[in-house]
Amino acid sequence: MKFKIKFADQIVGLFILVALAFFVAIVVLIGANQRWFAKDYGFVTSFASAAGLAPGTSIMMKGFTVGKIDKLTLNANNTVDAEFHIFDTYYEKVREYSILELTVSPIGLGSQLLFHPGRSEVRLSEGAFIPTAASPEGQTLIEQELVEIPPKDDTITRLLANVNPLLENTNKTVVTVNRTLTEVNRALAGQSTGPLGDIVTDASAAAGDVRARVGGLLDQVSSLLSELETISANLVATTDSIRDPTGLVPRLLDPSGSIKTFLDDDDALYKKVMSIVGEVDRSMKSLQGIISGLNSEMPKVAGLLNETRTAIQQAQDVLEGVRNNPLIRGGVTERVQQESLYRAMREGSFE
């Protein structure tokens, strides 16, 4: 006996219709999820390089995917033309002054293409050109604060961004130190034409002048000392003659001796003695002038020596500053002021 189901054809057809309905619903859901039926708005831009980019690359805005790259083309100017689209749900964000920014992780964790909306209320039309942050136009928009760029929270990126200025400052410091050392070496060698070279040249010239003056004064003092030794020897000889009972004094005091003869010469002896006294007086005045000249020149010599010592100390400070680089050790150590051991001749005792 055969088993028959009433309305079997209708039931099979119903199952087929239900299956088709489920299939269409699944296709619609998948298409909606894949944005098959959504309206996308296309735009164009230009990149210096396509590194980190590919068709299908997502365009992000504050963690949301707002669009994707459609096509990349290398143009005749060796730059990359890019076509991309923005989803219809985010089209209102595409306003005038908007830019794209390609960020590459410094530690090799990939790249991101970010969208930054402009601060204008004017919405860009479909197919408009949107500059990148690396382009001159994008830099101008950023400097004029016409773009809403959120702060980046990437700690590693911020640390690495701070390393570059530090390295640049270190490089500038090293260059400055090298130039300073070169200038100091040239100045010490007498080849510099700058202020330090002028100081060294002036100090050398002044030292030579001082040596010449001191040498001349010492020669004059030596000559005077020789004359004083001669006068002292003559005085000793005269004293010995006076002590001798048979010497000069008895002969001078003898009525028929030299005094009587000299006194009868119409004051010739007196004039001779006065001329000798005048010469001795002039010699003493010359000696006093030389001593006064030495006293007046000694403060200048002392000042010049102090200036030379200061210049040497400054050069030592520069070299010590190079050794104690402020980025490494903390700058130039404080110099202990040493009391000068020099005292002028006028402060000495002449007892």
Protein backbone atom coordinates (compact mmCIF):
# COMPACT_ATOMS: atom_id res chain seq x y z
CA MET A 1 0.00 0.00 0.00
CA LYS A 2 1.50 3.31 -1.01
CA PHE A 3 1.70 6.20 1.44
CA LYS A 4 0.58 9.51 -0.04
CA ILE A 5 0.70 12.99 1.48
CA LYS A 6 -2.01 15.34 0.51
CA PHE A 7 -0.78 18.66 -0.89
CA ALA A 8 2.84 17.35 -1.17
CA ASP A 9 3.64 19.63 -4.09
CA GLN A 10 2.45 22.69 -2.20
CA ILE A 11 4.56 21.79 0.84
CA VAL A 12 7.71 21.32 -1.28
CA GLY A 13 7.10 24.61 -3.00
CA LEU A 14 6.64 26.35 0.36
CA PHE A 15 9.96 24.97 1.61
CA ILE A 16 11.65 26.18 -1.57
CA LEU A 17 10.17 29.64 -1.17
CA VAL A 18 11.24 29.81 2.48
CA ALA A 19 14.78 28.72 1.53
CA LEU A 20 14.90 31.35 -1.19
CA ALA A 21 13.67 33.98 1.28
CA PHE A 22 16.38 33.00 3.77
CA PHE A 23 19.01 33.10 1.03
CA VAL A 24 17.89 36.56 -0.11
CA ALA A 25 17.89 37.80 3.51
CA ILE A 26 21.41 36.46 4.06
CA VAL A 27 22.62 38.08 0.82
CA VAL A 28 21.02 41.39 1.83
CA LEU A 29 22.60 41.24 5.29
CA ILE A 30 26.01 40.40 3.86
CA GLY A 31 25.67 43.15 1.26
CA ALA A 32 24.62 45.66 3.88
CA ASN A 33 27.59 44.65 6.02
CA GLN A 34 29.88 44.95 3.02
CA ARG A 35 28.27 48.22 1.94
CA TRP A 36 27.08 46.81 -1.43
CA PHE A 37 24.05 49.02 -1.44
CA ALA A 38 25.57 52.11 0.26
CA LYS A 39 26.57 55.32 -1.50
CA ASP A 40 30.30 56.15 -1.33
CA TYR A 41 31.81 59.55 -2.21
CA GLY A 42 35.04 59.52 -4.17
CA PHE A 43 37.97 61.96 -3.76
CA VAL A 44 41.56 62.21 -4.95
CA THR A 45 44.89 63.02 -3.31
CA SER A 46 48.63 62.72 -3.95
CA PHE A 47 51.43 61.06 -1.97
CA ALA A 48 55.20 61.33 -2.31
CA SER A 49 55.49 57.55 -2.03
CA ALA A 50 53.16 54.56 -1.94
CA ALA A 51 55.14 52.89 0.87
CA GLY A 52 52.67 51.63 3.46
CA LEU A 53 49.71 52.07 1.07
CA ALA A 54 47.73 49.64 -1.05
CA PRO A 55 44.29 49.48 -2.60
CA GLY A 56 41.86 48.67 0.19
CA THR A 57 43.86 50.51 2.87
CA SER A 58 41.46 51.81 5.49
CA ILE A 59 41.13 55.52 6.18
CA MET A 60 40.76 56.05 9.93
CA MET A 61 39.34 58.92 11.98
CA LYS A 62 39.54 58.71 15.76
CA GLY A 63 39.51 54.89 15.63
CA PHE A 64 36.66 54.60 13.09
CA THR A 65 37.03 53.45 9.48
CA VAL A 66 35.57 56.29 7.39
CA GLY A 67 36.80 55.22 3.94
CA LYS A 68 39.25 53.19 1.88
CA ILE A 69 41.84 53.58 -0.86
CA ASP A 70 40.54 52.52 -4.28
CA LYS A 71 43.46 53.03 -6.66
CA LEU A 72 47.14 54.06 -6.65
CA THR A 73 48.92 55.36 -9.77
CA LEU A 74 52.51 56.58 -10.36
CA ASN A 75 52.27 59.73 -12.46
CA ALA A 76 54.77 61.46 -14.78
CA ASN A 77 56.13 63.61 -11.91
CA ASN A 78 57.13 60.48 -9.96
CA THR A 79 54.48 61.12 -7.32
CA VAL A 80 51.61 58.79 -6.45
CA ASP A 81 48.04 59.74 -7.37
CA ALA A 82 45.46 58.07 -5.14
CA GLU A 83 41.72 57.64 -5.54
CA PHE A 84 39.73 56.91 -2.38
CA HIS A 85 36.17 57.00 -1.14
CA ILE A 86 34.49 58.15 2.06
CA PHE A 87 31.45 56.31 3.38
CA ASP A 88 28.12 58.12 3.12
CA THR A 89 27.69 57.99 6.90
CA TYR A 90 30.83 60.15 7.29
CA TYR A 91 30.46 62.35 4.24
CA GLU A 92 29.40 65.28 6.39
CA LYS A 93 32.90 65.22 7.95
CA VAL A 94 34.53 65.98 4.61
CA ARG A 95 34.66 69.75 4.87
CA GLU A 96 36.90 72.38 3.38
CA TYR A 97 40.55 72.38 4.64
CA SER A 98 40.41 68.60 5.37
CA ILE A 99 43.68 66.67 4.99
CA LEU A 100 45.01 63.10 4.99
CA GLU A 101 47.99 62.02 7.10
CA LEU A 102 50.04 58.86 6.57
CA THR A 103 51.67 57.83 9.85
CA VAL A 104 54.34 55.11 9.95
CA SER A 105 55.26 53.41 13.21
CA PRO A 106 58.94 54.11 14.06
CA ILE A 107 59.41 50.56 15.40
CA GLY A 108 57.96 48.75 12.37
CA LEU A 109 54.41 48.12 13.57
CA GLY A 110 52.80 49.20 10.30
CA SER A 111 51.21 52.41 9.10
CA GLN A 112 47.89 54.24 9.31
CA LEU A 113 46.12 56.59 6.94
CA LEU A 114 44.31 59.20 9.03
CA PHE A 115 41.61 61.64 7.98
CA HIS A 116 41.51 65.07 9.69
CA PRO A 117 38.41 67.19 9.00
CA GLY A 118 38.68 70.89 8.29
CA ARG A 119 37.25 73.59 10.54
CA SER A 120 35.13 75.06 7.75
CA GLU A 121 31.38 74.60 7.48
CA VAL A 122 31.58 74.16 3.70
CA ARG A 123 31.27 70.53 2.61
CA LEU A 124 33.59 69.40 -0.20
CA SER A 125 31.97 68.18 -3.38
CA GLU A 126 32.57 64.68 -4.67
CA GLY A 127 35.79 64.30 -6.65
CA ALA A 128 37.58 67.21 -4.89
CA PHE A 129 41.32 67.11 -4.17
CA ILE A 130 42.29 66.64 -0.48
CA PRO A 131 45.98 67.41 0.33
CA THR A 132 48.19 65.36 2.60
CA ALA A 133 49.77 66.59 5.83
CA ALA A 134 53.26 66.23 4.33
CA SER A 135 52.51 68.50 1.36
CA PRO A 136 53.22 72.26 1.44
CA GLU A 137 49.49 72.97 1.21
CA GLY A 138 48.78 70.65 4.13
CA GLN A 139 51.57 72.23 6.21
CA THR A 140 50.08 75.66 5.56
CA LEU A 141 46.64 74.49 6.72
CA ILE A 142 48.16 72.98 9.88
CA GLU A 143 50.15 76.13 10.68
CA GLN A 144 47.02 78.26 10.25
CA GLU A 145 45.11 75.85 12.57
CA LEU A 146 42.40 75.23 9.97
CA VAL A 147 42.44 71.46 10.60
CA GLU A 148 41.18 69.50 13.60
CA ILE A 149 44.13 67.27 14.52
CA PRO A 150 43.61 65.29 17.74
CA PRO A 151 46.61 64.77 20.07
CA LYS A 152 48.45 61.51 19.52
CA ASP A 153 48.68 59.12 22.47
CA ASP A 154 51.51 56.99 21.11
CA THR A 155 54.11 57.22 23.89
CA ILE A 156 56.87 55.62 21.82
CA THR A 157 56.23 58.01 18.95
CA ARG A 158 56.34 61.01 21.29
CA LEU A 159 59.57 59.78 22.89
CA LEU A 160 61.19 59.22 19.53
CA ALA A 161 59.95 62.61 18.36
CA ASN A 162 61.70 64.17 21.36
CA VAL A 163 64.91 62.25 20.65
CA ASN A 164 65.38 63.92 17.26
CA PRO A 165 65.52 67.52 18.67
CA LEU A 166 67.84 66.27 21.41
CA LEU A 167 70.17 64.74 18.85
CA GLU A 168 70.05 67.93 16.79
CA ASN A 169 70.93 70.01 19.87
CA THR A 170 73.75 67.59 20.73
CA ASN A 171 75.06 67.84 17.18
CA LYS A 172 74.93 71.65 17.34
CA THR A 173 76.77 71.55 20.69
CA VAL A 174 79.48 69.29 19.28
CA VAL A 175 79.87 71.56 16.24
CA THR A 176 80.09 74.62 18.52
CA VAL A 177 82.68 72.91 20.74
CA ASN A 178 84.74 71.93 17.68
CA ARG A 179 84.61 75.49 16.38
CA THR A 180 85.58 76.82 19.82
CA LEU A 181 88.53 74.44 20.08
CA THR A 182 89.63 75.31 16.55
CA GLU A 183 89.39 79.03 17.33
CA VAL A 184 91.33 78.58 20.59
CA ASN A 185 94.05 76.58 18.83
CA ARG A 186 94.29 79.17 16.04
CA ALA A 187 94.38 81.99 18.59
CA LEU A 188 97.14 80.29 20.58
CA ALA A 189 99.02 79.72 17.32
CA GLY A 190 98.60 83.38 16.37
CA GLN A 191 96.48 82.61 13.30
CA SER A 192 93.06 83.82 14.49
CA THR A 193 91.55 87.15 13.41
CA GLY A 194 88.68 87.11 15.92
CA PRO A 195 88.38 88.70 19.38
CA LEU A 196 90.35 85.90 21.06
CA GLY A 197 93.10 86.20 18.50
CA ASP A 198 93.19 89.97 19.03
CA ILE A 199 93.50 89.42 22.79
CA VAL A 200 96.39 86.99 22.37
CA THR A 201 98.09 89.27 19.82
CA ASP A 202 97.66 92.34 22.04
CA ALA A 203 98.91 90.43 25.07
CA SER A 204 101.96 89.22 23.14
CA ALA A 205 102.69 92.73 21.83
CA ALA A 206 102.19 94.26 25.28
CA ALA A 207 104.45 91.62 26.84
CA GLY A 208 107.13 92.38 24.27
CA ASP A 209 106.78 96.11 24.95
CA VAL A 210 106.99 95.53 28.69
CA ARG A 211 110.06 93.34 28.26
CA ALA A 212 111.71 96.03 26.13
CA ARG A 213 110.91 98.78 28.66
CA VAL A 214 111.93 96.72 31.65
CA GLY A 215 115.13 95.72 29.84
CA GLY A 216 115.93 99.38 29.14
CA LEU A 217 115.22 100.38 32.73
CA LEU A 218 117.35 97.52 34.04
CA ASP A 219 120.21 98.59 31.78
CA GLN A 220 119.98 102.13 33.16
CA VAL A 221 119.84 100.83 36.72
CA SER A 222 122.85 98.61 36.03
CA SER A 223 124.74 101.60 34.64
CA LEU A 224 123.87 103.69 37.70
CA LEU A 225 124.93 100.88 40.00
CA SER A 226 128.26 100.71 38.20
CA GLU A 227 128.69 104.44 38.68
CA LEU A 228 127.73 104.12 42.33
CA GLU A 229 130.28 101.34 42.77
CA THR A 230 132.93 103.61 41.22
CA ILE A 231 131.95 106.50 43.53
CA SER A 232 131.98 104.16 46.53
CA ALA A 233 135.44 102.93 45.63
CA ASN A 234 136.62 106.54 45.32
CA LEU A 235 135.09 107.35 48.72
CA VAL A 236 136.88 104.39 50.27
CA ALA A 237 140.16 105.52 48.78
CA THR A 238 139.55 109.09 50.02
CA THR A 239 138.75 107.82 53.53
CA ASP A 240 141.92 105.78 53.61
CA SER A 241 143.89 108.81 52.51
CA ILE A 242 142.32 110.91 55.26
CA ARG A 243 143.18 108.29 57.90
CA ASP A 244 146.84 108.23 56.78
CA PRO A 245 148.81 110.80 58.92
CA THR A 246 151.26 111.24 56.12
CA GLY A 247 148.71 111.19 53.42
CA LEU A 248 146.40 113.69 51.76
CA VAL A 249 145.19 115.66 54.84
CA PRO A 250 148.60 116.71 56.19
CA ARG A 251 149.67 117.73 52.71
CA LEU A 252 146.49 119.75 52.25
CA LEU A 253 146.81 121.44 55.66
CA ASP A 254 150.46 122.28 55.15
CA PRO A 255 150.83 126.10 54.70
CA SER A 256 152.93 125.41 51.67
CA GLY A 257 150.74 122.54 50.51
CA SER A 258 148.00 122.08 48.01
CA ILE A 259 145.26 124.01 49.90
CA LYS A 260 147.32 127.19 49.89
CA THR A 261 148.06 126.67 46.23
CA PHE A 262 144.38 125.95 45.42
CA LEU A 263 143.11 128.87 47.46
CA ASP A 264 145.29 131.30 45.49
CA ASP A 265 143.81 130.30 42.09
CA ASP A 266 141.04 132.94 41.88
CA ASP A 267 138.22 130.55 42.95
CA ALA A 268 139.09 127.97 40.26
CA LEU A 269 138.94 125.16 42.84
CA TYR A 270 135.57 126.40 44.14
CA LYS A 271 134.14 126.48 40.66
CA LYS A 272 135.47 123.02 39.96
CA VAL A 273 133.99 121.65 43.20
CA MET A 274 130.63 123.31 42.46
CA SER A 275 130.60 121.81 38.97
CA ILE A 276 131.26 118.36 40.46
CA VAL A 277 128.49 118.87 43.01
CA GLY A 278 126.16 119.93 40.16
CA GLU A 279 127.01 116.78 38.22
CA VAL A 280 126.37 114.66 41.32
CA ASP A 281 123.04 116.43 41.85
CA ARG A 282 122.03 115.83 38.24
CA SER A 283 123.03 112.19 38.59
CA MET A 284 120.86 111.88 41.71
CA LYS A 285 117.92 113.55 39.95
CA SER A 286 118.36 111.20 36.99
CA LEU A 287 118.41 108.26 39.41
CA GLN A 288 115.24 109.55 41.09
CA GLY A 289 113.57 109.95 37.67
CA ILE A 290 114.46 106.37 36.77
CA ILE A 291 113.08 105.10 40.09
CA SER A 292 109.91 107.17 39.59
CA GLY A 293 109.57 105.78 36.06
CA LEU A 294 109.90 102.24 37.43
CA ASN A 295 107.25 102.98 40.06
CA SER A 296 104.87 104.41 37.44
CA GLU A 297 105.39 101.49 35.04
CA MET A 298 105.04 98.73 37.62
CA PRO A 299 101.21 99.12 38.01
CA LYS A 300 100.88 98.92 34.22
CA VAL A 301 103.06 95.82 34.19
CA ALA A 302 100.97 94.36 37.00
CA GLY A 303 97.72 95.20 35.18
CA LEU A 304 99.02 93.62 31.97
CA LEU A 305 100.08 90.50 33.87
CA ASN A 306 96.64 90.31 35.51
CA GLU A 307 94.92 90.67 32.11
CA THR A 308 97.16 87.95 30.69
CA ARG A 309 96.35 85.70 33.66
CA THR A 310 92.59 86.41 33.19
CA ALA A 311 92.82 85.52 29.48
CA ILE A 312 94.62 82.28 30.35
CA GLN A 313 91.96 81.48 33.00
CA GLN A 314 89.19 82.13 30.47
CA ALA A 315 90.89 79.81 27.99
CA GLN A 316 91.20 77.19 30.77
CA ASP A 317 87.47 77.65 31.56
CA VAL A 318 86.59 77.10 27.88
CA LEU A 319 88.68 73.91 27.77
CA GLU A 320 87.22 72.70 31.08
CA GLY A 321 83.71 73.51 29.78
CA VAL A 322 84.49 71.31 26.77
CA ARG A 323 85.64 68.50 29.06
CA ASN A 324 82.65 68.98 31.38
CA ASN A 325 80.01 69.09 28.64
CA PRO A 326 76.75 70.48 30.14
CA LEU A 327 74.86 67.52 28.64
CA ILE A 328 77.17 65.10 30.44
CA ARG A 329 78.74 66.50 33.59
CA GLY A 330 77.12 69.77 34.47
CA GLY A 331 79.15 72.70 33.08
CA VAL A 332 82.23 74.55 34.24
CA THR A 333 83.30 74.08 37.85
CA GLU A 334 83.53 77.21 39.93
CA ARG A 335 87.05 78.58 40.11
CA VAL A 336 88.47 79.41 43.53
CA GLN A 337 89.70 83.00 43.50
CA GLN A 338 93.35 83.10 44.50
CA GLU A 339 94.71 86.21 46.15
CA SER A 340 97.39 87.89 44.08
CA LEU A 341 100.92 87.42 45.43
CA TYR A 342 102.16 90.54 43.69
CA ARG A 343 102.71 93.77 45.59
CA ALA A 344 103.73 97.01 43.98
CA MET A 345 107.12 98.48 44.79
CA ARG A 346 105.46 101.42 46.52
CA GLU A 347 103.99 98.96 49.08
CA GLY A 348 107.43 97.60 50.02
CA SER A 349 109.66 98.76 52.81
CA PHE A 350 112.73 100.80 51.92
CA GLU A 351 114.30 100.53 55.37
